[in-house]
N, C-alpha and C. Protein backbone atom coordinates (compact mmCIF):
# COMPACT_ATOMS: atom_id res chain seq x y z
N MET A 1 38.90 4.70 -16.70
CA MET A 1 38.23 4.97 -15.43
C MET A 1 37.12 5.33 -16.12
N ASP A 2 36.15 5.13 -14.63
CA ASP A 2 34.90 5.91 -14.43
C ASP A 2 34.70 7.33 -14.73
N PRO A 3 33.76 7.80 -15.93
CA PRO A 3 33.94 9.36 -15.52
C PRO A 3 33.08 10.37 -13.85
N LEU A 4 32.59 9.09 -13.55
CA LEU A 4 32.34 9.84 -12.51
C LEU A 4 32.70 9.28 -11.32
N ASP A 5 33.64 8.74 -11.16
CA ASP A 5 34.63 8.76 -9.74
C ASP A 5 35.46 9.60 -9.65
N TYR A 6 35.70 10.76 -10.27
CA TYR A 6 36.35 12.17 -9.58
C TYR A 6 35.34 12.10 -8.69
N VAL A 7 34.21 12.05 -9.17
CA VAL A 7 33.08 13.11 -8.03
C VAL A 7 33.56 12.72 -6.47
N PHE A 8 33.82 11.46 -6.17
CA PHE A 8 34.09 11.16 -5.00
C PHE A 8 35.75 10.45 -4.65
N SER A 9 36.37 11.43 -5.23
CA SER A 9 37.70 11.53 -5.22
C SER A 9 38.50 12.72 -4.45
N ALA A 10 39.36 12.64 -3.85
CA ALA A 10 39.35 14.23 -3.27
C ALA A 10 40.25 14.82 -4.38
N SER A 11 40.55 14.38 -5.56
CA SER A 11 41.70 14.59 -6.80
C SER A 11 40.58 15.13 -8.10
N PRO A 12 41.16 16.65 -8.86
CA PRO A 12 40.10 17.34 -9.87
C PRO A 12 40.32 16.02 -10.90
N PRO A 13 39.38 16.08 -11.91
CA PRO A 13 39.07 15.55 -12.87
C PRO A 13 40.39 15.26 -13.97
N GLU A 14 40.37 14.41 -14.40
CA GLU A 14 41.29 14.23 -15.65
C GLU A 14 41.09 15.85 -16.67
N PRO A 15 41.86 16.56 -17.08
CA PRO A 15 41.88 17.21 -18.29
C PRO A 15 40.83 16.85 -19.39
N GLY A 16 41.21 15.89 -19.98
CA GLY A 16 39.59 15.67 -21.24
C GLY A 16 39.36 14.21 -20.82
N LEU A 17 38.48 14.75 -19.62
CA LEU A 17 37.54 13.56 -18.96
C LEU A 17 36.37 14.21 -19.38
N LEU A 18 36.14 15.24 -19.21
CA LEU A 18 35.10 16.26 -19.26
C LEU A 18 34.58 16.31 -20.64
N LEU A 19 33.18 16.32 -21.15
CA LEU A 19 33.30 16.35 -22.37
C LEU A 19 33.39 18.03 -23.17
N HIS A 20 32.37 18.62 -22.77
CA HIS A 20 32.22 19.50 -23.12
C HIS A 20 32.77 20.95 -22.54
N GLY A 21 33.00 20.88 -20.98
CA GLY A 21 33.50 22.09 -20.41
C GLY A 21 34.48 21.63 -18.86
N GLY A 22 34.78 22.52 -18.35
CA GLY A 22 35.77 22.06 -17.05
C GLY A 22 34.78 21.83 -15.96
N THR A 23 33.60 21.88 -15.95
CA THR A 23 32.65 21.72 -14.72
C THR A 23 31.87 20.71 -15.24
N PRO A 24 31.10 19.58 -14.34
CA PRO A 24 30.07 18.33 -14.84
C PRO A 24 28.75 19.69 -15.43
N TRP A 25 28.33 20.64 -14.78
CA TRP A 25 27.37 21.44 -15.61
C TRP A 25 27.55 21.80 -17.03
N GLU A 26 28.91 21.91 -17.35
CA GLU A 26 28.79 22.76 -18.68
C GLU A 26 29.35 21.19 -19.31
N SER A 27 29.80 20.67 -19.15
CA SER A 27 29.05 19.04 -20.10
C SER A 27 28.00 18.21 -19.90
N HIS A 28 27.41 19.14 -19.39
CA HIS A 28 25.65 18.07 -18.77
C HIS A 28 25.75 16.86 -18.49
N GLN A 29 26.82 16.62 -17.66
CA GLN A 29 26.95 14.94 -17.23
C GLN A 29 26.16 14.78 -15.60
N ASP A 30 25.35 13.85 -15.43
CA ASP A 30 24.47 13.52 -14.23
C ASP A 30 25.65 12.98 -13.23
N LEU A 31 25.55 13.61 -12.32
CA LEU A 31 26.24 13.26 -11.40
C LEU A 31 25.69 12.64 -9.80
N GLY A 32 24.55 11.51 -10.13
CA GLY A 32 24.57 10.52 -9.68
C GLY A 32 23.26 11.12 -8.62
N GLY A 33 22.48 12.24 -9.08
CA GLY A 33 21.62 12.96 -8.14
C GLY A 33 22.46 14.12 -7.47
N CYS A 34 23.78 14.35 -7.59
CA CYS A 34 24.42 15.28 -6.87
C CYS A 34 23.91 16.49 -7.81
N ALA A 35 23.87 16.62 -9.09
CA ALA A 35 24.21 17.85 -9.83
C ALA A 35 23.75 17.13 -11.44
N SER A 36 23.03 18.21 -11.72
CA SER A 36 22.72 17.64 -13.56
C SER A 36 22.92 19.46 -14.11
N ALA A 37 21.99 19.86 -15.49
CA ALA A 37 22.44 20.39 -16.29
C ALA A 37 22.03 21.96 -15.29
N SER A 38 20.76 21.62 -14.37
CA SER A 38 20.34 22.83 -14.19
C SER A 38 21.41 23.30 -12.64
N PHE A 39 22.23 22.57 -12.32
CA PHE A 39 23.32 22.97 -11.45
C PHE A 39 24.02 24.06 -11.94
N GLY A 40 24.22 24.49 -12.69
CA GLY A 40 25.42 25.70 -12.98
C GLY A 40 24.02 26.80 -13.16
N ALA A 41 22.79 26.70 -13.38
CA ALA A 41 22.05 27.98 -13.25
C ALA A 41 21.83 27.87 -11.81
N VAL A 42 21.94 27.29 -11.03
CA VAL A 42 21.46 27.07 -9.13
C VAL A 42 22.73 27.91 -8.84
N ALA A 43 23.71 27.89 -9.77
CA ALA A 43 25.38 27.89 -8.80
C ALA A 43 25.32 29.46 -9.21
N ARG A 44 24.68 30.31 -10.57
CA ARG A 44 25.09 31.17 -10.64
C ARG A 44 23.80 32.42 -10.09
N THR A 45 22.79 31.78 -9.40
CA THR A 45 21.83 31.97 -8.88
C THR A 45 22.37 32.77 -7.16
N PHE A 46 22.80 31.94 -6.76
CA PHE A 46 23.76 31.96 -5.63
C PHE A 46 24.89 32.65 -6.01
N ASN A 47 25.34 33.12 -7.09
CA ASN A 47 26.47 33.91 -7.42
C ASN A 47 27.85 32.97 -6.86
N TYR A 48 27.83 31.95 -7.36
CA TYR A 48 29.00 31.25 -7.18
C TYR A 48 29.85 31.07 -8.12
N THR A 49 30.96 30.85 -8.41
CA THR A 49 31.81 30.97 -9.69
C THR A 49 31.32 29.36 -9.48
N PRO A 50 31.67 28.79 -10.88
CA PRO A 50 31.82 27.73 -11.22
C PRO A 50 32.80 26.77 -10.25
N GLN A 51 34.22 27.52 -10.32
CA GLN A 51 34.99 26.64 -9.63
C GLN A 51 34.22 26.53 -8.21
N GLU A 52 33.77 27.53 -7.60
CA GLU A 52 33.55 26.91 -5.92
C GLU A 52 32.54 26.34 -6.12
N ALA A 53 31.14 26.26 -7.00
CA ALA A 53 29.88 25.18 -6.90
C ALA A 53 30.80 23.97 -7.14
N TYR A 54 31.57 23.95 -8.07
CA TYR A 54 32.21 22.74 -8.35
C TYR A 54 32.97 21.98 -7.04
N ARG A 55 33.61 23.04 -6.07
CA ARG A 55 34.48 22.88 -4.94
C ARG A 55 32.83 22.00 -3.69
N ILE A 56 32.20 22.99 -3.66
CA ILE A 56 30.71 22.72 -3.26
C ILE A 56 29.93 21.09 -3.12
N LEU A 57 30.05 21.15 -4.76
CA LEU A 57 29.64 19.62 -5.21
C LEU A 57 30.44 18.56 -4.70
N GLU A 58 31.67 18.53 -4.78
CA GLU A 58 32.73 17.65 -4.70
C GLU A 58 32.68 17.31 -2.89
N GLU A 59 32.85 18.52 -2.36
CA GLU A 59 32.77 18.56 -0.62
C GLU A 59 31.29 17.56 -0.32
N THR A 60 30.58 18.18 -1.07
CA THR A 60 28.83 17.30 -0.94
C THR A 60 29.05 15.85 -1.19
N ALA A 61 29.83 15.35 -1.98
CA ALA A 61 29.36 14.21 -2.70
C ALA A 61 31.12 13.18 -1.79
N LEU A 62 31.57 14.36 -1.23
CA LEU A 62 32.80 13.15 -0.26
C LEU A 62 32.05 12.91 1.37
N ARG A 63 31.15 13.96 1.32
CA ARG A 63 30.47 13.42 2.85
C ARG A 63 29.35 12.71 2.67
N ARG A 64 28.93 12.16 1.31
CA ARG A 64 28.04 11.13 1.43
C ARG A 64 28.20 9.91 2.21
N THR A 65 27.08 9.23 2.70
CA THR A 65 27.57 8.31 3.45
C THR A 65 27.18 7.01 2.50
N PRO A 66 27.82 5.93 2.63
CA PRO A 66 27.76 5.17 1.45
C PRO A 66 26.32 4.22 1.78
N PRO A 67 26.04 3.73 0.59
CA PRO A 67 24.45 3.02 0.67
C PRO A 67 24.72 2.05 1.25
N THR A 68 23.29 1.70 2.00
CA THR A 68 23.38 1.02 3.14
C THR A 68 22.65 -0.22 2.32
N PRO A 69 23.42 -1.30 2.11
CA PRO A 69 23.21 -2.93 1.97
C PRO A 69 21.39 -3.31 2.14
N PRO A 70 21.33 -3.70 0.94
CA PRO A 70 19.73 -3.82 0.73
C PRO A 70 19.13 -4.75 1.97
N ALA A 71 17.97 -4.68 2.43
CA ALA A 71 17.46 -5.85 3.86
C ALA A 71 17.48 -7.43 3.04
N LEU A 72 17.44 -8.21 4.03
CA LEU A 72 17.62 -9.64 3.81
C LEU A 72 16.03 -10.04 3.34
N PRO A 73 16.34 -10.79 2.23
CA PRO A 73 14.60 -11.10 1.92
C PRO A 73 13.88 -12.11 2.75
N CYS A 74 12.76 -11.65 2.70
CA CYS A 74 11.60 -12.17 3.86
C CYS A 74 11.29 -13.81 3.13
N GLU A 75 10.68 -14.24 3.98
CA GLU A 75 10.34 -15.48 3.98
C GLU A 75 8.96 -14.67 3.00
N PRO A 76 8.96 -16.18 1.50
CA PRO A 76 7.77 -15.58 1.08
C PRO A 76 6.50 -15.89 1.79
N GLN A 77 5.25 -14.94 1.64
CA GLN A 77 4.09 -15.05 2.40
C GLN A 77 3.40 -16.18 1.66
N GLN A 78 2.54 -17.01 3.00
CA GLN A 78 1.89 -18.27 2.29
C GLN A 78 0.69 -17.67 1.55
N ARG A 79 0.07 -18.06 0.12
CA ARG A 79 -1.26 -17.82 -0.23
C ARG A 79 -2.61 -17.92 0.72
N PHE A 80 -2.87 -16.98 0.69
CA PHE A 80 -4.38 -16.91 1.39
C PHE A 80 -5.04 -17.98 0.46
N ARG A 81 -6.05 -18.95 1.43
CA ARG A 81 -6.94 -20.01 0.98
C ARG A 81 -8.40 -19.51 1.42
N TRP A 82 -9.11 -19.62 0.33
CA TRP A 82 -10.34 -19.09 0.68
C TRP A 82 -10.95 -20.10 1.55
N THR A 83 -11.35 -20.38 2.29
CA THR A 83 -11.63 -21.67 3.18
C THR A 83 -13.35 -21.02 3.66
N ALA A 84 -14.04 -22.41 3.75
CA ALA A 84 -15.69 -22.47 4.21
C ALA A 84 -15.51 -21.50 5.14
N GLU A 85 -15.03 -21.66 6.37
CA GLU A 85 -15.09 -20.73 7.50
C GLU A 85 -14.80 -19.27 7.49
N PHE A 86 -13.86 -18.76 6.83
CA PHE A 86 -14.20 -17.26 6.21
C PHE A 86 -15.05 -17.20 5.42
N THR A 87 -15.36 -18.07 4.24
CA THR A 87 -16.70 -17.56 3.35
C THR A 87 -17.68 -17.27 3.81
N GLU A 88 -17.83 -18.65 4.96
CA GLU A 88 -18.94 -18.47 6.19
C GLU A 88 -18.81 -17.15 7.20
N ALA A 89 -17.97 -16.70 7.49
CA ALA A 89 -18.04 -15.78 8.27
C ALA A 89 -18.21 -14.43 7.56
N ILE A 90 -17.93 -14.17 6.52
CA ILE A 90 -18.12 -13.53 5.50
C ILE A 90 -19.78 -12.94 4.97
N LEU A 91 -20.11 -14.10 4.81
CA LEU A 91 -21.55 -14.19 4.77
C LEU A 91 -22.51 -14.18 6.07
N CYS A 92 -21.99 -14.45 7.37
CA CYS A 92 -22.67 -14.08 7.88
C CYS A 92 -22.17 -12.34 8.73
N ALA A 93 -21.57 -12.02 8.62
CA ALA A 93 -21.19 -10.15 8.69
C ALA A 93 -22.06 -9.80 7.61
N TYR A 94 -22.20 -10.31 6.50
CA TYR A 94 -23.08 -9.49 5.71
C TYR A 94 -24.92 -9.87 5.92
N LYS A 95 -24.88 -10.82 6.58
CA LYS A 95 -26.62 -11.00 7.10
C LYS A 95 -26.56 -9.73 8.00
N TYR A 96 -25.93 -9.94 9.25
CA TYR A 96 -25.76 -9.22 10.53
C TYR A 96 -26.00 -7.92 10.23
N LEU A 97 -24.88 -7.33 8.89
CA LEU A 97 -24.85 -6.04 8.95
C LEU A 97 -25.67 -5.22 8.08
N GLY A 98 -26.38 -6.13 7.26
CA GLY A 98 -27.10 -6.10 6.24
C GLY A 98 -26.87 -5.27 4.64
N PRO A 99 -27.27 -5.20 3.61
CA PRO A 99 -26.78 -4.77 2.49
C PRO A 99 -26.34 -3.53 2.48
N GLY A 100 -27.12 -2.81 2.88
CA GLY A 100 -26.36 -1.00 3.48
C GLY A 100 -25.05 -0.97 4.05
N GLY A 101 -24.94 -1.83 5.53
CA GLY A 101 -24.17 -1.49 5.97
C GLY A 101 -22.79 -2.78 5.53
N ALA A 102 -22.89 -3.41 4.66
CA ALA A 102 -21.94 -4.61 4.62
C ALA A 102 -20.70 -3.86 3.71
N LYS A 103 -19.84 -3.33 4.18
CA LYS A 103 -18.41 -2.45 3.53
C LYS A 103 -17.58 -3.35 4.02
N PRO A 104 -16.33 -3.06 3.45
CA PRO A 104 -15.22 -3.96 3.54
C PRO A 104 -15.05 -4.05 4.96
N LYS A 105 -14.69 -2.29 5.94
CA LYS A 105 -13.97 -2.40 7.16
C LYS A 105 -14.87 -2.53 8.19
N PRO A 106 -16.02 -2.36 7.99
CA PRO A 106 -16.99 -3.25 9.33
C PRO A 106 -16.92 -4.66 9.65
N VAL A 107 -17.16 -5.58 7.63
CA VAL A 107 -17.08 -6.29 7.50
C VAL A 107 -15.99 -7.20 8.06
N LEU A 108 -14.96 -6.74 7.80
CA LEU A 108 -13.43 -6.65 8.08
C LEU A 108 -13.26 -7.02 10.11
N ALA A 109 -13.86 -5.97 10.68
CA ALA A 109 -13.94 -6.31 12.19
C ALA A 109 -14.65 -7.06 12.38
N LEU A 110 -15.62 -7.54 11.86
CA LEU A 110 -16.54 -8.83 12.41
C LEU A 110 -15.88 -9.73 12.16
N VAL A 111 -15.36 -9.98 10.62
CA VAL A 111 -14.35 -11.22 10.59
C VAL A 111 -13.24 -11.78 11.46
N ARG A 112 -12.42 -10.13 11.68
CA ARG A 112 -11.32 -10.77 12.71
C ARG A 112 -12.22 -11.12 13.92
N GLU A 113 -12.83 -10.48 14.38
CA GLU A 113 -13.77 -10.97 15.69
C GLU A 113 -13.87 -12.37 15.69
N ALA A 114 -14.84 -12.64 14.73
CA ALA A 114 -15.40 -14.59 14.41
C ALA A 114 -13.80 -15.27 14.66
N LEU A 115 -12.85 -14.63 13.91
CA LEU A 115 -12.18 -15.66 13.26
C LEU A 115 -10.51 -15.25 13.54
N PRO A 116 -10.29 -14.52 15.00
CA PRO A 116 -9.05 -14.26 15.47
C PRO A 116 -7.56 -14.67 14.77
N ASP A 117 -7.88 -15.97 14.57
CA ASP A 117 -6.17 -16.29 14.08
C ASP A 117 -6.11 -15.98 12.82
N LEU A 118 -7.09 -15.85 12.27
CA LEU A 118 -7.05 -15.63 10.35
C LEU A 118 -6.34 -14.34 9.76
N ARG A 119 -5.46 -14.32 9.22
CA ARG A 119 -4.55 -13.43 9.06
C ARG A 119 -4.99 -12.55 7.64
N VAL A 120 -6.54 -11.62 7.80
CA VAL A 120 -7.17 -11.42 6.44
C VAL A 120 -7.03 -9.59 6.43
N THR A 121 -7.23 -9.46 5.10
CA THR A 121 -6.72 -7.81 4.96
C THR A 121 -8.26 -7.36 4.22
N ARG A 122 -8.38 -6.28 4.07
CA ARG A 122 -9.13 -5.75 3.58
C ARG A 122 -9.88 -6.04 2.32
N GLN A 123 -8.22 -6.01 1.73
CA GLN A 123 -8.59 -6.10 0.36
C GLN A 123 -9.22 -7.75 -0.11
N GLN A 124 -8.77 -8.58 1.02
CA GLN A 124 -9.37 -9.63 0.48
C GLN A 124 -10.85 -9.97 1.10
N VAL A 125 -11.31 -9.29 2.24
CA VAL A 125 -12.81 -9.02 1.96
C VAL A 125 -13.35 -8.52 1.52
N GLU A 126 -12.51 -7.33 0.62
CA GLU A 126 -13.88 -6.20 -0.30
C GLU A 126 -13.59 -7.21 -1.47
N SER A 127 -12.76 -8.16 -1.76
CA SER A 127 -12.90 -9.23 -3.08
C SER A 127 -14.08 -10.11 -2.74
N ARG A 128 -14.37 -10.88 -0.99
CA ARG A 128 -15.17 -11.60 -0.72
C ARG A 128 -16.64 -10.81 -1.14
N LEU A 129 -16.71 -9.96 -0.28
CA LEU A 129 -17.91 -9.34 -0.56
C LEU A 129 -18.50 -9.18 -2.12
N GLN A 130 -17.40 -8.53 -3.14
CA GLN A 130 -17.96 -8.55 -4.31
C GLN A 130 -18.48 -9.60 -4.79
N LYS A 131 -17.84 -10.95 -4.84
CA LYS A 131 -18.40 -11.81 -5.33
C LYS A 131 -19.79 -12.15 -4.27
N VAL A 132 -20.26 -11.90 -3.37
CA VAL A 132 -21.10 -12.62 -2.25
C VAL A 132 -22.18 -11.31 -2.99
N ARG A 133 -21.62 -10.51 -3.40
CA ARG A 133 -23.15 -9.50 -4.38
C ARG A 133 -23.29 -9.38 -5.42
N LEU A 134 -22.62 -9.94 -6.18
CA LEU A 134 -22.33 -10.35 -7.85
C LEU A 134 -23.48 -12.13 -7.63
N SER A 135 -23.03 -12.52 -6.96
CA SER A 135 -23.79 -14.21 -6.57
C SER A 135 -25.40 -13.17 -6.11
N LEU A 136 -25.90 -12.70 -5.16
CA LEU A 136 -27.05 -11.99 -4.72
C LEU A 136 -27.75 -11.74 -6.31
N ARG A 137 -26.94 -10.75 -7.19
CA ARG A 137 -27.56 -10.12 -7.95
C ARG A 137 -28.09 -10.85 -9.30
N ARG A 138 -27.25 -11.62 -8.91
CA ARG A 138 -26.82 -13.14 -10.49
C ARG A 138 -28.46 -14.13 -9.66
N ALA A 139 -28.75 -14.48 -8.20
CA ALA A 139 -30.11 -15.04 -8.10
C ALA A 139 -31.17 -14.20 -8.03
N TYR A 140 -31.28 -13.06 -7.85
CA TYR A 140 -32.24 -12.33 -7.75
C TYR A 140 -32.66 -11.55 -9.01
N GLY A 141 -31.89 -11.77 -10.20
CA GLY A 141 -32.12 -11.35 -11.50
C GLY A 141 -31.44 -9.77 -11.27
N LEU A 142 -31.04 -9.11 -10.99
CA LEU A 142 -30.76 -7.74 -10.47
C LEU A 142 -29.82 -7.21 -11.93
N SER A 143 -29.72 -6.20 -12.25
CA SER A 143 -28.40 -5.68 -13.02
C SER A 143 -27.37 -5.78 -12.41
N PRO A 144 -25.95 -5.33 -12.98
CA PRO A 144 -24.91 -5.14 -12.55
C PRO A 144 -25.20 -3.74 -11.14
N THR A 145 -25.96 -3.16 -11.14
CA THR A 145 -25.92 -2.20 -10.84
C THR A 145 -27.02 -1.62 -9.67
N GLY A 146 -27.70 -2.92 -9.59
CA GLY A 146 -29.00 -2.75 -8.93
C GLY A 146 -28.92 -3.18 -7.50
N SER A 147 -30.12 -2.31 -6.93
CA SER A 147 -29.75 -2.02 -5.39
C SER A 147 -30.28 -3.35 -4.62
N LEU A 148 -29.66 -3.55 -3.53
CA LEU A 148 -29.02 -4.97 -2.84
C LEU A 148 -30.60 -5.05 -1.60
N GLY A 149 -31.02 -4.12 -2.02
CA GLY A 149 -31.86 -3.29 -0.10
C GLY A 149 -32.83 -4.41 0.23
N SER A 150 -33.62 -5.55 -0.71
CA SER A 150 -34.20 -5.85 -0.49
C SER A 150 -34.03 -7.33 -0.21
N CYS A 151 -32.92 -7.67 -0.93
CA CYS A 151 -31.95 -8.75 -1.09
C CYS A 151 -30.90 -9.86 0.04
N HIS A 152 -31.79 -11.00 0.12
CA HIS A 152 -31.15 -11.89 1.60
C HIS A 152 -30.47 -12.93 1.27
N VAL A 153 -29.31 -13.21 1.99
CA VAL A 153 -28.01 -14.04 1.66
C VAL A 153 -29.14 -15.68 1.13
N PRO A 154 -29.19 -15.44 -0.48
CA PRO A 154 -29.99 -16.86 -0.75
C PRO A 154 -28.72 -18.44 -0.02
N ARG A 155 -27.63 -18.23 0.09
CA ARG A 155 -27.25 -19.43 0.78
C ARG A 155 -27.61 -19.46 1.77
N ASP A 156 -27.90 -21.20 2.40
CA ASP A 156 -28.26 -21.42 3.27
C ASP A 156 -27.31 -21.32 4.61
N ILE A 157 -27.52 -20.80 5.63
CA ILE A 157 -25.97 -20.61 6.42
C ILE A 157 -26.41 -21.26 7.39
N ASP A 158 -25.51 -22.09 8.20
CA ASP A 158 -25.50 -22.84 9.30
C ASP A 158 -26.17 -21.36 10.17
N GLY A 159 -27.41 -22.45 10.89
CA GLY A 159 -27.84 -20.96 12.11
C GLY A 159 -27.44 -21.50 13.23
N GLU A 160 -26.98 -22.46 13.73
CA GLU A 160 -26.38 -22.28 14.98
C GLU A 160 -25.13 -21.32 15.20
N ARG A 161 -24.26 -21.53 13.98
CA ARG A 161 -23.18 -20.71 13.58
C ARG A 161 -23.31 -18.93 13.67
N TYR A 162 -24.32 -18.91 12.89
CA TYR A 162 -24.79 -17.46 12.65
C TYR A 162 -25.23 -16.80 13.78
N ARG A 163 -26.52 -17.49 14.81
CA ARG A 163 -26.55 -17.01 15.99
C ARG A 163 -24.94 -16.73 17.27
N ALA A 164 -24.47 -17.62 17.02
CA ALA A 164 -23.35 -17.68 17.74
C ALA A 164 -22.63 -16.34 17.42
N LEU A 165 -21.91 -16.05 16.57
CA LEU A 165 -21.57 -14.97 16.21
C LEU A 165 -22.26 -13.91 16.54
N LYS A 166 -23.49 -14.02 15.67
CA LYS A 166 -24.21 -12.66 16.18
C LYS A 166 -24.61 -12.24 17.44
N GLY A 167 -24.37 -13.59 18.47
CA GLY A 167 -23.98 -13.36 19.79
C GLY A 167 -23.02 -12.75 20.21
N LEU A 168 -21.98 -12.95 19.76
CA LEU A 168 -20.77 -12.69 20.26
C LEU A 168 -20.41 -10.93 19.33
N TRP A 169 -20.91 -11.24 18.02
CA TRP A 169 -20.85 -9.63 17.70
C TRP A 169 -21.65 -8.76 18.74
N ASP A 170 -22.67 -9.09 19.17
CA ASP A 170 -23.57 -7.93 19.81
C ASP A 170 -22.84 -8.19 21.26
N ARG A 171 -22.45 -9.06 21.82
CA ARG A 171 -21.98 -8.98 23.10
C ARG A 171 -20.74 -7.33 22.80
N ASN A 172 -20.12 -7.55 21.89
CA ASN A 172 -18.78 -6.66 21.99
C ASN A 172 -19.33 -5.53 21.46
N ARG A 173 -20.50 -5.19 20.87
CA ARG A 173 -21.12 -4.16 20.43
C ARG A 173 -21.41 -3.60 21.74
N ALA A 174 -22.36 -4.25 22.71
CA ALA A 174 -22.75 -3.59 23.65
C ALA A 174 -21.66 -3.47 24.66
N GLY A 175 -20.65 -4.19 24.77
CA GLY A 175 -19.23 -3.76 25.60
C GLY A 175 -18.27 -2.42 25.06
N CYS A 176 -18.41 -2.21 24.07
CA CYS A 176 -18.19 -1.00 23.88
C CYS A 176 -18.56 0.24 23.66
N GLY A 177 -20.38 -0.06 24.13
CA GLY A 177 -21.24 0.89 24.16
C GLY A 177 -21.97 0.88 22.70
N HIS A 178 -21.14 0.66 22.03
CA HIS A 178 -22.22 0.67 20.61
C HIS A 178 -22.97 -0.38 20.40
N LEU A 179 -24.07 0.42 20.13
CA LEU A 179 -25.49 -0.31 19.54
C LEU A 179 -24.91 -1.29 18.04
N GLY A 180 -25.52 -2.41 18.16
CA GLY A 180 -25.65 -3.17 16.97
C GLY A 180 -26.43 -2.92 15.70
N PRO A 181 -26.80 -3.53 14.81
CA PRO A 181 -27.50 -3.06 13.95
C PRO A 181 -28.88 -3.18 14.35
N GLU A 182 -29.46 -2.10 13.81
CA GLU A 182 -31.32 -2.82 14.05
C GLU A 182 -31.73 -3.76 13.55
N ALA A 183 -31.68 -3.83 12.22
CA ALA A 183 -32.42 -5.34 11.71
C ALA A 183 -31.18 -6.39 11.38
N HIS A 184 -31.40 -7.70 12.53
CA HIS A 184 -30.62 -8.75 11.47
C HIS A 184 -31.48 -9.65 11.28
């Protein structure tokens, strides 16, 4: 017989079942989250006799709802692919916002405007921004913590694509009442 079966049954435990005492807390058995060795101290604090505390414990255990079945597994999510279009949108957003304003959240907002069908997360944008910053530091010979204030994106960005995205972002900022970045 399972030593914890008596917690969920209406009958008291068999006499030899508990190790050192007549109640669960005296034998220091864990009752599946219902009680532990400290339960006796709590029972004494509220002036319950061990029998009353045990009865309350048993009633509480009987009222417990059965555990819910595990959720059906979701289909595995497809791996995110770093497409050239995504990288170009990141570079355009970086150029649009400038080195000081190119933080993950604003860049994510611009990328989502430019590529609304692409499901991209802040962490993915943050990772790509880190790669952009590292490549800029390498290209300009800066230390890993050097300021990027005077650096420009060294990679050639498609001029038409950048102008189209800049126009989209400027229109969206103007429509929302926000002013776009001061220097593009």
